[in-house]
Amino acid sequence: MVVRSSDGEKLGKVTHIEPGTFEIEKGLFFKEEYRVRYDEVADVRDGEVFLMHGREQLAGARGAAVGGGAPLGKGEEIRVPLAEEEVTVGKSVHEVGRVKVTKEVVTEQQQVAVPVAREVVHVERVPASGERPAASDTLFEEGSISVPIREERAEVSTRPVVKEELRIGKDVIQERQTAQATVRREKADVRTEGDVARERGRGEPEAIPPEEPPIERATGTGGRRR
């Protein structure tokens, strides 16, 4: 990881870490490897370490290089975490459509046969039978008699009647969907420099021996054949 000062100056890369400190490589800024405590780290973002000190303050501490003559003590174990992203699946409800029911009023003509009755006038003259005394108050008076003639007529009215109904129901169907996500994981490449004795740790693959060069064989023509 790249280490920068509080004002963004690139100091170098981390070369060694310990339980309480880590070392910055020597380069243009530090003439020797420089040791930094973890409590001097202000932030870690975008794969880079930012210290709490500025460029000028660190420039005065260039002489605080890491000494190489410390005595060997009990072996220390340094743990480097390797992170890996896992996919977390959740569910949310979204509206995907609607059912819209529209009612229209349709007008049509219907004919209904209704039986009706009416009165018909008929007049008949017949001779009077016998002699009946006539009423004295109606003799020789002019006037008219009105006889009403009636008939039945059909009267039409309407009333609403429910003939059918629409029933809209919803069912829940279970199905599977395939969701994709891009995940990241960290891999560690462990290498040694110099004359370092190293034992293969638990879970570490065995080293592949280097391929041996082909054996040269002498030929009868004075040359060599592989």
Protein backbone atom coordinates (compact mmCIF):
# COMPACT_ATOMS: atom_id res chain seq x y z
CA MET A 1 0.00 0.00 0.00
CA VAL A 2 1.17 3.53 -0.79
CA VAL A 3 1.75 5.84 2.20
CA ARG A 4 1.11 9.58 1.91
CA SER A 5 1.52 12.52 4.27
CA SER A 6 -1.44 14.58 5.48
CA ASP A 7 -0.90 17.03 2.60
CA GLY A 8 -0.87 14.27 -0.05
CA GLU A 9 2.91 13.85 -0.51
CA LYS A 10 3.80 10.29 -1.59
CA LEU A 11 6.27 8.88 0.96
CA GLY A 12 6.67 5.32 -0.35
CA LYS A 13 5.16 1.87 0.06
CA VAL A 14 4.75 -0.37 3.10
CA THR A 15 7.50 -2.98 3.19
CA HIS A 16 7.02 -4.61 6.60
CA ILE A 17 4.34 -4.67 9.29
CA GLU A 18 4.48 -5.55 12.97
CA PRO A 19 1.82 -5.69 15.73
CA GLY A 20 2.30 -2.00 16.63
CA THR A 21 4.24 -0.45 13.75
CA PHE A 22 4.92 -0.73 10.03
CA GLU A 23 7.85 0.33 7.86
CA ILE A 24 7.97 2.59 4.79
CA GLU A 25 10.46 1.78 2.04
CA LYS A 26 13.47 3.94 1.47
CA GLY A 27 13.43 6.11 -1.62
CA LEU A 28 13.47 9.75 -2.66
CA PHE A 29 11.82 10.95 0.55
CA PHE A 30 13.33 8.60 3.17
CA LYS A 31 16.98 7.65 2.77
CA GLU A 32 16.42 4.62 5.01
CA GLU A 33 13.36 2.56 5.86
CA TYR A 34 11.14 4.58 8.20
CA ARG A 35 9.03 3.09 11.01
CA VAL A 36 5.55 4.47 11.73
CA ARG A 37 3.19 3.66 14.61
CA TYR A 38 -0.42 2.73 13.85
CA ASP A 39 -1.71 5.63 15.96
CA GLU A 40 -0.02 8.00 13.50
CA VAL A 41 -2.39 6.86 10.71
CA ALA A 42 -5.18 9.38 9.99
CA ASP A 43 -7.12 7.46 7.34
CA VAL A 44 -7.00 4.52 4.93
CA ARG A 45 -8.90 4.96 1.67
CA ASP A 46 -8.65 3.83 -1.94
CA GLY A 47 -5.85 1.44 -1.08
CA GLU A 48 -3.60 4.17 0.38
CA VAL A 49 -2.51 5.09 3.92
CA PHE A 50 -2.64 8.75 5.01
CA LEU A 51 -0.58 9.84 8.02
CA MET A 52 -1.41 12.55 10.54
CA HIS A 53 1.85 14.43 9.89
CA GLY A 54 2.62 16.81 7.06
CA ARG A 55 5.49 16.72 4.60
CA GLU A 56 7.68 19.24 6.47
CA GLN A 57 7.16 17.54 9.84
CA LEU A 58 8.14 14.17 8.37
CA ALA A 59 11.13 15.71 6.61
CA GLY A 60 12.62 16.54 10.03
CA ALA A 61 12.24 12.91 11.09
CA ARG A 62 14.13 11.43 8.17
CA GLY A 63 16.92 10.50 10.47
CA ALA A 64 14.68 8.16 12.45
CA ALA A 65 15.50 5.22 10.23
CA VAL A 66 14.91 1.64 11.29
CA GLY A 67 17.93 0.11 12.97
CA GLY A 68 19.05 -3.29 11.77
CA GLY A 69 21.07 -4.44 14.77
CA ALA A 70 18.29 -5.41 17.19
CA PRO A 71 18.82 -8.77 18.91
CA LEU A 72 16.67 -11.71 17.89
CA GLY A 73 13.98 -12.60 20.37
CA LYS A 74 11.02 -14.90 20.48
CA GLY A 75 9.32 -15.38 17.10
CA GLU A 76 6.44 -13.01 16.46
CA GLU A 77 3.27 -13.84 14.54
CA ILE A 78 1.92 -11.16 12.22
CA ARG A 79 -1.62 -11.63 11.00
CA VAL A 80 -2.64 -10.15 7.66
CA PRO A 81 -6.42 -10.36 7.10
CA LEU A 82 -7.66 -11.34 3.63
CA ALA A 83 -11.20 -10.16 3.01
CA GLU A 84 -13.78 -11.55 0.61
CA GLU A 85 -17.17 -10.15 -0.34
CA GLU A 86 -20.26 -12.29 0.05
CA VAL A 87 -23.51 -11.89 -1.83
CA THR A 88 -26.47 -10.85 0.31
CA VAL A 89 -29.87 -11.39 -1.29
CA GLY A 90 -32.95 -9.38 -0.30
CA LYS A 91 -36.43 -8.96 -1.71
CA SER A 92 -38.52 -5.87 -2.37
CA VAL A 93 -42.06 -5.50 -3.72
CA HIS A 94 -42.58 -3.48 -6.91
CA GLU A 95 -45.76 -2.70 -8.84
CA VAL A 96 -45.50 -4.28 -12.30
CA GLY A 97 -48.99 -3.60 -13.67
CA ARG A 98 -52.66 -2.92 -13.00
CA VAL A 99 -56.04 -4.41 -13.89
CA LYS A 100 -58.40 -1.69 -15.12
CA VAL A 101 -62.13 -2.39 -15.41
CA THR A 102 -64.19 0.12 -17.42
CA LYS A 103 -68.00 0.17 -17.51
CA GLU A 104 -69.93 1.57 -20.45
CA VAL A 105 -73.65 2.33 -20.70
CA VAL A 106 -75.23 0.84 -23.84
CA THR A 107 -78.70 2.04 -24.95
CA GLU A 108 -80.98 -0.28 -26.93
CA GLN A 109 -84.65 -0.52 -27.82
CA GLN A 110 -86.86 -3.30 -26.48
CA GLN A 111 -90.46 -4.11 -27.49
CA VAL A 112 -92.89 -5.55 -24.97
CA ALA A 113 -96.45 -6.65 -25.88
CA VAL A 114 -98.93 -5.31 -23.31
CA PRO A 115 -102.63 -6.29 -23.45
CA VAL A 116 -104.87 -3.20 -23.13
CA ALA A 117 -108.67 -2.69 -23.26
CA ARG A 118 -110.74 0.16 -24.76
CA GLU A 119 -114.44 0.97 -25.01
CA VAL A 120 -116.34 0.94 -28.34
CA VAL A 121 -119.59 2.89 -28.77
CA HIS A 122 -122.66 1.42 -30.42
CA VAL A 123 -126.07 3.12 -30.63
CA GLU A 124 -129.30 1.20 -31.19
CA ARG A 125 -132.84 2.52 -31.64
CA VAL A 126 -135.76 0.31 -30.51
CA PRO A 127 -139.44 1.12 -30.14
CA ALA A 128 -140.61 1.75 -26.62
CA SER A 129 -142.63 -1.06 -25.17
CA GLY A 130 -145.76 -0.11 -23.34
CA GLU A 131 -146.58 3.31 -22.23
CA ARG A 132 -144.18 4.82 -19.71
CA PRO A 133 -144.89 8.21 -18.26
CA ALA A 134 -142.18 10.69 -19.24
CA ALA A 135 -140.54 12.86 -16.70
CA SER A 136 -142.09 16.30 -16.87
CA ASP A 137 -138.77 18.08 -16.21
CA THR A 138 -137.09 16.65 -19.31
CA LEU A 139 -139.85 17.13 -21.84
CA PHE A 140 -139.22 19.49 -24.64
CA GLU A 141 -135.88 20.73 -23.41
CA GLU A 142 -132.85 21.12 -25.58
CA GLY A 143 -129.55 19.69 -24.37
CA SER A 144 -126.90 17.04 -24.85
CA ILE A 145 -125.72 14.01 -22.98
CA SER A 146 -122.00 13.21 -22.73
CA VAL A 147 -120.99 9.60 -22.41
CA PRO A 148 -117.20 9.11 -21.75
CA ILE A 149 -115.36 6.50 -23.81
CA ARG A 150 -112.26 5.05 -22.11
CA GLU A 151 -109.28 2.93 -23.11
CA GLU A 152 -106.13 1.52 -21.46
CA ARG A 153 -102.69 2.73 -22.46
CA ALA A 154 -99.33 1.08 -21.72
CA GLU A 155 -97.02 3.04 -19.45
CA VAL A 156 -93.32 2.14 -19.63
CA SER A 157 -90.78 2.65 -16.83
CA THR A 158 -87.35 1.17 -16.04
CA ARG A 159 -85.62 -0.01 -12.88
CA PRO A 160 -82.02 -1.20 -12.37
CA VAL A 161 -81.50 -4.92 -11.82
CA VAL A 162 -78.10 -6.58 -11.14
CA LYS A 163 -77.69 -9.39 -13.69
CA GLU A 164 -74.02 -10.37 -13.08
CA GLU A 165 -70.86 -9.22 -11.30
CA LEU A 166 -67.12 -9.25 -11.90
CA ARG A 167 -64.93 -10.88 -9.27
CA ILE A 168 -61.23 -9.94 -9.48
CA GLY A 169 -58.89 -12.08 -7.38
CA LYS A 170 -55.09 -12.20 -6.99
CA ASP A 171 -52.97 -15.32 -6.42
CA VAL A 172 -49.35 -15.43 -5.23
CA ILE A 173 -47.11 -17.67 -7.38
CA GLN A 174 -43.68 -18.74 -6.12
CA GLU A 175 -40.88 -18.73 -8.70
CA ARG A 176 -37.10 -18.46 -8.81
CA GLN A 177 -35.04 -15.62 -10.26
CA THR A 178 -31.31 -15.61 -10.86
CA ALA A 179 -29.51 -12.57 -9.43
CA GLN A 180 -25.93 -11.70 -10.34
CA ALA A 181 -23.44 -9.66 -8.37
CA THR A 182 -19.76 -8.85 -8.75
CA VAL A 183 -17.80 -9.74 -5.63
CA ARG A 184 -14.18 -9.11 -4.72
CA ARG A 185 -11.73 -11.18 -2.68
CA GLU A 186 -8.17 -10.63 -1.61
CA LYS A 187 -5.31 -12.96 -2.50
CA ALA A 188 -1.91 -12.89 -0.87
CA ASP A 189 1.33 -13.43 -2.79
CA VAL A 190 4.06 -14.23 -0.25
CA ARG A 191 7.64 -13.82 -1.48
CA THR A 192 10.97 -13.66 0.28
CA GLU A 193 14.07 -11.66 -0.57
CA GLY A 194 17.61 -12.53 0.33
CA ASP A 195 18.80 -15.56 2.26
CA VAL A 196 15.60 -16.33 4.19
CA ALA A 197 14.78 -19.82 5.47
CA ARG A 198 11.09 -20.48 5.11
CA GLU A 199 8.86 -23.36 6.13
CA ARG A 200 5.68 -24.18 4.24
CA GLY A 201 2.71 -23.12 6.33
CA ARG A 202 -0.55 -24.95 6.82
CA GLY A 203 -2.77 -24.69 3.74
CA GLU A 204 0.05 -23.33 1.54
CA PRO A 205 0.62 -25.29 -1.71
CA GLU A 206 3.91 -27.04 -2.21
CA ALA A 207 6.48 -25.19 -4.28
CA ILE A 208 6.94 -26.48 -7.82
CA PRO A 209 10.59 -27.39 -8.46
CA PRO A 210 12.21 -25.51 -11.36
CA GLU A 211 12.40 -27.33 -14.65
CA GLU A 212 15.80 -28.92 -15.19
CA PRO A 213 17.66 -27.99 -18.39
CA PRO A 214 17.92 -30.72 -21.03
CA ILE A 215 20.97 -32.98 -20.86
CA GLU A 216 23.52 -32.35 -23.57
CA ARG A 217 24.84 -35.46 -25.27
CA ALA A 218 27.95 -35.74 -27.37
CA THR A 219 27.55 -36.71 -31.01
CA GLY A 220 30.01 -38.31 -33.37
CA THR A 221 30.34 -35.21 -35.54
CA GLY A 222 32.13 -33.21 -32.92
CA GLY A 223 29.08 -31.20 -31.96
CA ARG A 224 26.56 -31.59 -29.19
CA ARG A 225 23.00 -32.85 -29.44
CA ARG A 226 20.13 -32.12 -27.08
